[in-house]
Amino acid sequence: MSYVLGHNQYGKAEVHVVRVFRDNPDAPHDLVDYNVSVSLSGDFTDAHKTGDQANVLTTDACKNTVNSYAKEAGEAVREPESFGLALAEHFLEVPQVSGVRINIEAFPWARSHDNPHAFVKNGDYVRTVTVTGSDAGTSVVSGLKELTVLKTTDSEFHGFYQDKYTTLQPTDDRIMATAVTAQWAHEGTDVEWGKSFDQVLDAITGSFAAAYSYALQHTLFDMGSAVLDAAPSVAEVRFSCPNKHHFVVDLSPFGVENNCEVHYAADRPYGLIEATVKRTEDVDKTSAYDPGQAW
C-alpha cells in the first residue's frame, strides 16, 4: 500500500540568545533576552520517504543563523517582532523553503539601582512573538503570557444556569484573579513594535483594574475592547485566562467572623476562559497564530 506524506515541518527549538548592545562606550548598556524557535516547511518529501537529505537545511544551521543574526540584524534585534521578521526573510530565501514560522519569547530585564550595566530580571510576564512567512505574505502576532493580575472587589458572579450538579453559590463581591495569556494579530508589519506593545500592556492592565466585572468573560471582552482602542495596528486579540480561584475560608467553627478577608488560593482545578475580540466580523487571522503541531 502506498501512503501519503502529509504536512511536515522541522527546525530548531528554543535557541536562547542574549544580545548586549555596547557599541557606544560612553552609553549605558542595553540587552535583550530571547528564546527563539524556528520551523521550516517546503520541499522536504525526499527526506521523509527516501532518506535523501539534499534539500534539508540543518537544524544546527538554524541555530547558528539565530545566533549570528543577533548581531547581523543590528537595530532590528532590539524588538522581538523586527528580529523575527529579519529571520523569516532570511529563511524564505532558501529555495526549498516555502513557509517559515518564528516563535520568540522575550524575557524583560530592568536596570538595577541606576547602574548603567546592572539588571534585574522582571518576572511580571513573558513577551511573545510569532512571525509567519510564505509566498502569500508575512504576518506578525505579538503577545504576552504569565501576566498575573488580581482585584479584591468590584467583581460579581451570579445569575448563572444551574442544574442538579451546581453547588457554587452566587456572589456579589469576590476576589477575581487570573494569569493572562494574550496574543494580538497586526494588520501589517510597519509598526512601532515597542510602542505598540506598551499600549496593549497598559490597556490590558488598565482595563482589568478599572472595569467592573460580572464574570471573567465580561472582563475579557472589556480588555479586548481596550486593546483595540489603544493600538491601531491590531486587528484582533485572543485571550486565554484561567480563573485563579480564591475561596473564602469558613472560620465559624472557631467563632471567628470572616467578612471576605481570609481566602484559600486554589491552584486546580480551575476555570479556563478564552475569547477573541475583533475589529470587524470579517477579520480572520487564524493562519498567523501558532496552533502547534500540524499548522
Protein backbone atom coordinates (compact mmCIF):
# COMPACT_ATOMS: atom_id res chain seq x y z
CA MET A 1 0.00 0.00 0.00
CA SER A 2 1.25 3.48 -0.88
CA TYR A 3 0.86 6.05 1.88
CA VAL A 4 0.86 9.81 1.52
CA LEU A 5 3.08 12.21 3.45
CA GLY A 6 1.02 14.96 4.99
CA HIS A 7 2.06 18.31 6.38
CA ASN A 8 5.58 18.28 7.78
CA GLN A 9 7.90 20.84 9.30
CA TYR A 10 11.19 20.93 11.14
CA GLY A 11 13.60 23.37 12.69
CA LYS A 12 15.50 24.30 15.83
CA ALA A 13 13.59 24.91 19.04
CA GLU A 14 14.48 27.16 21.97
CA VAL A 15 17.70 28.84 20.94
CA HIS A 16 18.33 31.02 23.99
CA VAL A 17 20.30 34.06 22.89
CA VAL A 18 21.19 37.20 24.87
CA ARG A 19 22.39 40.27 22.96
CA VAL A 20 24.20 43.10 24.75
CA PHE A 21 24.23 46.48 23.00
CA ARG A 22 27.56 48.06 23.88
CA ASP A 23 28.52 49.89 20.68
CA ASN A 24 28.87 53.26 22.40
CA PRO A 25 31.46 53.05 25.20
CA ASP A 26 30.04 56.17 26.87
CA ALA A 27 26.42 54.96 26.89
CA PRO A 28 24.68 52.56 29.28
CA HIS A 29 24.44 49.01 28.02
CA ASP A 30 21.13 47.59 26.79
CA LEU A 31 20.27 43.94 26.46
CA VAL A 32 17.60 41.66 25.04
CA ASP A 33 16.98 38.08 26.17
CA TYR A 34 15.23 35.84 23.62
CA ASN A 35 14.21 32.20 23.37
CA VAL A 36 13.85 31.61 19.62
CA SER A 37 12.29 28.66 17.79
CA VAL A 38 12.48 28.24 14.02
CA SER A 39 10.20 25.97 11.98
CA LEU A 40 10.54 25.42 8.22
CA SER A 41 8.21 23.79 5.71
CA GLY A 42 8.67 23.18 2.00
CA ASP A 43 10.16 20.64 -0.37
CA PHE A 44 11.31 18.03 2.12
CA THR A 45 9.40 14.97 0.90
CA ASP A 46 12.53 13.03 -0.06
CA ALA A 47 13.97 13.43 3.43
CA HIS A 48 10.96 11.53 4.78
CA LYS A 49 10.30 9.00 2.01
CA THR A 50 13.77 8.07 0.72
CA GLY A 51 16.15 9.45 3.34
CA ASP A 52 17.70 11.88 0.82
CA GLN A 53 18.75 14.98 2.82
CA ALA A 54 19.89 17.11 -0.13
CA ASN A 55 17.21 19.76 0.48
CA VAL A 56 17.47 19.79 4.25
CA LEU A 57 18.96 22.90 5.81
CA THR A 58 20.29 21.51 9.07
CA THR A 59 18.72 22.46 12.37
CA ASP A 60 22.24 23.33 13.51
CA ALA A 61 22.36 25.93 10.72
CA CYS A 62 19.05 27.31 12.02
CA LYS A 63 20.61 27.71 15.46
CA ASN A 64 23.72 29.33 14.03
CA THR A 65 21.60 31.76 12.00
CA VAL A 66 19.71 32.87 15.10
CA ASN A 67 22.93 33.49 16.99
CA SER A 68 24.65 35.32 14.14
CA TYR A 69 21.58 37.40 13.30
CA ALA A 70 21.54 38.58 16.91
CA LYS A 71 24.47 40.71 15.69
CA GLU A 72 23.93 40.87 11.91
CA ALA A 73 20.36 42.20 12.17
CA GLY A 74 21.59 45.30 14.03
CA GLU A 75 18.91 47.54 15.48
CA ALA A 76 16.17 45.10 14.40
CA VAL A 77 17.27 42.87 17.28
CA ARG A 78 16.03 45.39 19.84
CA GLU A 79 12.40 44.31 19.33
CA PRO A 80 11.37 40.63 19.07
CA GLU A 81 8.94 41.38 16.22
CA SER A 82 11.55 43.03 14.00
CA PHE A 83 14.08 40.31 14.88
CA GLY A 84 11.54 37.64 13.92
CA LEU A 85 10.82 39.43 10.64
CA ALA A 86 14.54 39.54 9.80
CA LEU A 87 14.91 35.83 10.49
CA ALA A 88 11.81 34.94 8.48
CA GLU A 89 13.05 36.96 5.50
CA HIS A 90 16.38 35.14 5.62
CA PHE A 91 14.96 31.62 5.76
CA LEU A 92 12.48 32.32 2.95
CA GLU A 93 15.50 32.95 0.71
CA VAL A 94 16.38 29.24 0.97
CA PRO A 95 14.99 27.91 -2.37
CA GLN A 96 13.30 24.80 -0.98
CA VAL A 97 11.66 26.63 1.95
CA SER A 98 8.11 27.79 1.21
CA GLY A 99 6.98 28.55 4.75
CA VAL A 100 8.64 29.69 7.97
CA ARG A 101 7.39 30.26 11.47
CA ILE A 102 9.48 32.09 14.07
CA ASN A 103 8.40 31.94 17.71
CA ILE A 104 10.14 34.20 20.20
CA GLU A 105 9.82 34.51 23.95
CA ALA A 106 11.31 37.77 25.20
CA PHE A 107 12.27 37.97 28.87
CA PRO A 108 12.24 41.55 30.20
CA TRP A 109 15.04 42.98 32.31
CA ALA A 110 15.07 46.26 34.26
CA ARG A 111 18.02 48.37 35.29
CA SER A 112 19.23 47.83 38.83
CA HIS A 113 19.90 50.73 41.21
CA ASP A 114 20.56 53.18 38.39
CA ASN A 115 23.68 51.25 37.44
CA PRO A 116 24.17 51.60 33.66
CA HIS A 117 25.30 47.99 33.28
CA ALA A 118 23.38 46.08 36.01
CA PHE A 119 19.97 44.49 35.50
CA VAL A 120 17.26 42.63 37.42
CA LYS A 121 15.06 40.14 35.59
CA ASN A 122 11.43 41.23 35.53
CA GLY A 123 9.23 38.22 36.26
CA ASP A 124 5.90 40.01 35.77
CA TYR A 125 5.31 38.49 32.33
CA VAL A 126 6.96 36.97 29.25
CA ARG A 127 6.59 38.78 25.93
CA THR A 128 5.85 36.53 22.94
CA VAL A 129 6.02 36.90 19.16
CA THR A 130 5.02 34.65 16.25
CA VAL A 131 6.16 35.61 12.75
CA THR A 132 4.88 33.55 9.82
CA GLY A 133 6.11 33.95 6.28
CA SER A 134 5.37 32.39 2.90
CA ASP A 135 4.76 33.37 -0.70
CA ALA A 136 1.36 34.63 0.46
CA GLY A 137 2.95 37.22 2.73
CA THR A 138 4.22 37.76 6.24
CA SER A 139 2.17 38.10 9.44
CA VAL A 140 3.09 39.16 12.96
CA VAL A 141 1.33 38.16 16.18
CA SER A 142 2.56 39.83 19.35
CA GLY A 143 1.63 38.64 22.82
CA LEU A 144 2.38 38.05 26.44
CA LYS A 145 1.91 35.27 28.97
CA GLU A 146 2.17 34.74 32.73
CA LEU A 147 0.79 38.22 33.49
CA THR A 148 -0.91 37.60 36.86
CA VAL A 149 -3.48 40.19 37.92
CA LEU A 150 -5.88 40.34 40.87
CA LYS A 151 -8.57 42.64 42.20
CA THR A 152 -10.04 42.27 45.70
CA THR A 153 -13.52 43.59 44.86
CA ASP A 154 -15.62 45.05 42.00
CA SER A 155 -16.31 41.52 40.79
CA GLU A 156 -19.55 39.53 40.92
CA PHE A 157 -20.73 36.17 39.64
CA HIS A 158 -24.40 35.27 39.83
CA GLY A 159 -27.47 34.55 37.72
CA PHE A 160 -25.77 31.56 36.08
CA TYR A 161 -27.58 28.48 34.76
CA GLN A 162 -27.97 25.77 37.38
CA ASP A 163 -28.57 22.03 37.18
CA LYS A 164 -28.56 19.29 39.80
CA TYR A 165 -24.74 19.28 39.92
CA THR A 166 -24.44 23.01 40.60
CA THR A 167 -23.08 23.74 44.06
CA LEU A 168 -21.35 27.10 43.52
CA GLN A 169 -23.04 29.86 45.45
CA PRO A 170 -23.77 33.20 43.74
CA THR A 171 -21.72 36.15 44.96
CA ASP A 172 -21.85 39.91 44.52
CA ASP A 173 -18.36 40.53 45.95
CA ARG A 174 -15.30 38.35 45.38
CA ILE A 175 -11.61 38.29 44.58
CA MET A 176 -11.02 37.91 40.85
CA ALA A 177 -7.57 36.84 39.67
CA THR A 178 -6.13 35.38 36.50
CA ALA A 179 -2.85 34.78 34.66
CA VAL A 180 -3.33 36.45 31.30
CA THR A 181 -2.12 34.87 28.09
CA ALA A 182 -2.89 37.24 25.22
CA GLN A 183 -1.94 37.28 21.55
CA TRP A 184 -2.81 40.03 19.12
CA ALA A 185 -2.51 39.95 15.33
CA HIS A 186 -1.37 43.05 13.47
CA GLU A 187 -2.77 44.31 10.17
CA GLY A 188 0.72 44.79 8.72
CA THR A 189 4.41 44.89 9.57
CA ASP A 190 5.07 48.64 9.55
CA VAL A 191 4.59 49.07 13.29
CA GLU A 192 6.48 50.73 16.14
CA TRP A 193 6.69 47.43 17.99
CA GLY A 194 7.84 48.66 21.39
CA LYS A 195 5.29 51.46 21.49
CA SER A 196 2.51 49.13 20.36
CA PHE A 197 3.38 46.53 22.99
CA ASP A 198 3.37 49.16 25.74
CA GLN A 199 -0.03 50.41 24.55
CA VAL A 200 -1.51 46.93 24.67
CA LEU A 201 0.01 46.06 28.05
CA ASP A 202 -1.32 49.29 29.53
CA ALA A 203 -4.75 48.68 28.00
CA ILE A 204 -4.97 45.16 29.44
CA THR A 205 -3.86 46.07 32.95
CA GLY A 206 -5.75 49.36 32.99
CA SER A 207 -9.00 47.80 31.85
CA PHE A 208 -8.69 44.95 34.34
CA ALA A 209 -8.17 47.45 37.16
CA ALA A 210 -10.88 49.93 36.17
CA ALA A 211 -13.75 47.89 34.74
CA TYR A 212 -16.45 46.43 36.99
CA SER A 213 -16.75 42.72 36.30
CA TYR A 214 -19.78 40.43 36.26
CA ALA A 215 -17.67 37.45 35.13
CA LEU A 216 -14.19 36.76 33.76
CA GLN A 217 -15.84 36.52 30.33
CA HIS A 218 -17.10 40.08 30.81
CA THR A 219 -13.60 41.23 31.77
CA LEU A 220 -12.00 39.59 28.72
CA PHE A 221 -14.28 41.49 26.36
CA ASP A 222 -13.55 44.74 28.20
CA MET A 223 -9.79 44.11 27.96
CA GLY A 224 -10.03 43.21 24.28
CA SER A 225 -12.03 46.34 23.51
CA ALA A 226 -9.45 48.44 25.35
CA VAL A 227 -6.64 46.86 23.31
CA LEU A 228 -8.35 47.67 20.00
CA ASP A 229 -8.98 51.24 21.18
CA ALA A 230 -5.35 51.71 22.19
CA ALA A 231 -3.40 50.04 19.37
CA PRO A 232 -4.43 50.97 15.79
CA SER A 233 -2.35 48.22 14.16
CA VAL A 234 -4.12 45.39 16.00
CA ALA A 235 -6.82 43.54 14.04
CA GLU A 236 -7.83 41.13 16.78
CA VAL A 237 -6.74 39.95 20.22
CA ARG A 238 -7.10 36.48 21.70
CA PHE A 239 -7.16 35.71 25.42
CA SER A 240 -6.70 32.50 27.39
CA CYS A 241 -7.24 33.18 31.09
CA PRO A 242 -7.53 30.68 33.94
CA ASN A 243 -9.58 31.56 36.98
CA LYS A 244 -7.17 31.87 39.91
CA HIS A 245 -9.82 30.87 42.42
CA HIS A 246 -9.80 32.42 45.91
CA PHE A 247 -12.34 30.79 48.20
CA VAL A 248 -13.47 32.40 51.44
CA VAL A 249 -12.41 30.20 54.36
CA ASP A 250 -15.15 29.22 56.82
CA LEU A 251 -13.85 30.37 60.19
CA SER A 252 -17.18 29.92 62.02
CA PRO A 253 -16.03 26.69 63.75
CA PHE A 254 -13.51 28.89 65.59
CA GLY A 255 -16.03 31.59 66.44
CA VAL A 256 -14.34 33.99 64.02
CA GLU A 257 -16.22 36.16 61.53
CA ASN A 258 -14.70 36.18 58.05
CA ASN A 259 -16.03 39.09 56.02
CA CYS A 260 -14.31 38.15 52.71
CA GLU A 261 -10.94 38.74 54.36
CA VAL A 262 -9.29 35.30 54.64
CA HIS A 263 -9.14 33.17 51.50
CA TYR A 264 -7.80 29.86 50.31
CA ALA A 265 -5.96 30.21 46.98
CA ALA A 266 -6.63 27.06 44.95
CA ASP A 267 -4.36 26.17 42.03
CA ARG A 268 -6.55 23.42 40.46
CA PRO A 269 -8.98 22.58 39.09
CA TYR A 270 -9.61 25.97 37.54
CA GLY A 271 -11.99 27.54 35.07
CA LEU A 272 -10.34 28.37 31.76
CA ILE A 273 -11.93 31.28 29.91
CA GLU A 274 -10.94 32.02 26.30
CA ALA A 275 -12.22 34.63 23.85
CA THR A 276 -11.31 36.61 20.73
CA VAL A 277 -12.20 40.27 20.24
CA LYS A 278 -12.03 41.50 16.63
CA ARG A 279 -12.38 44.88 14.95
CA THR A 280 -14.90 43.54 12.45
CA GLU A 281 -16.74 40.32 11.79
CA ASP A 282 -14.71 39.55 8.66
CA VAL A 283 -11.30 39.67 10.36
CA ASP A 284 -9.67 36.22 10.17
CA LYS A 285 -6.06 35.97 11.31
CA THR A 286 -6.09 32.26 12.18
CA SER A 287 -3.16 31.37 9.93
CA ALA A 288 -0.97 33.98 11.66
CA TYR A 289 -1.06 32.18 15.01
CA ASP A 290 0.86 29.13 16.11
CA PRO A 291 -1.54 26.25 16.79
CA GLY A 292 1.33 23.86 17.41
CA GLN A 293 1.63 20.56 15.57
CA ALA A 294 0.24 20.33 12.01
CA TRP A 295 -0.26 24.04 11.40
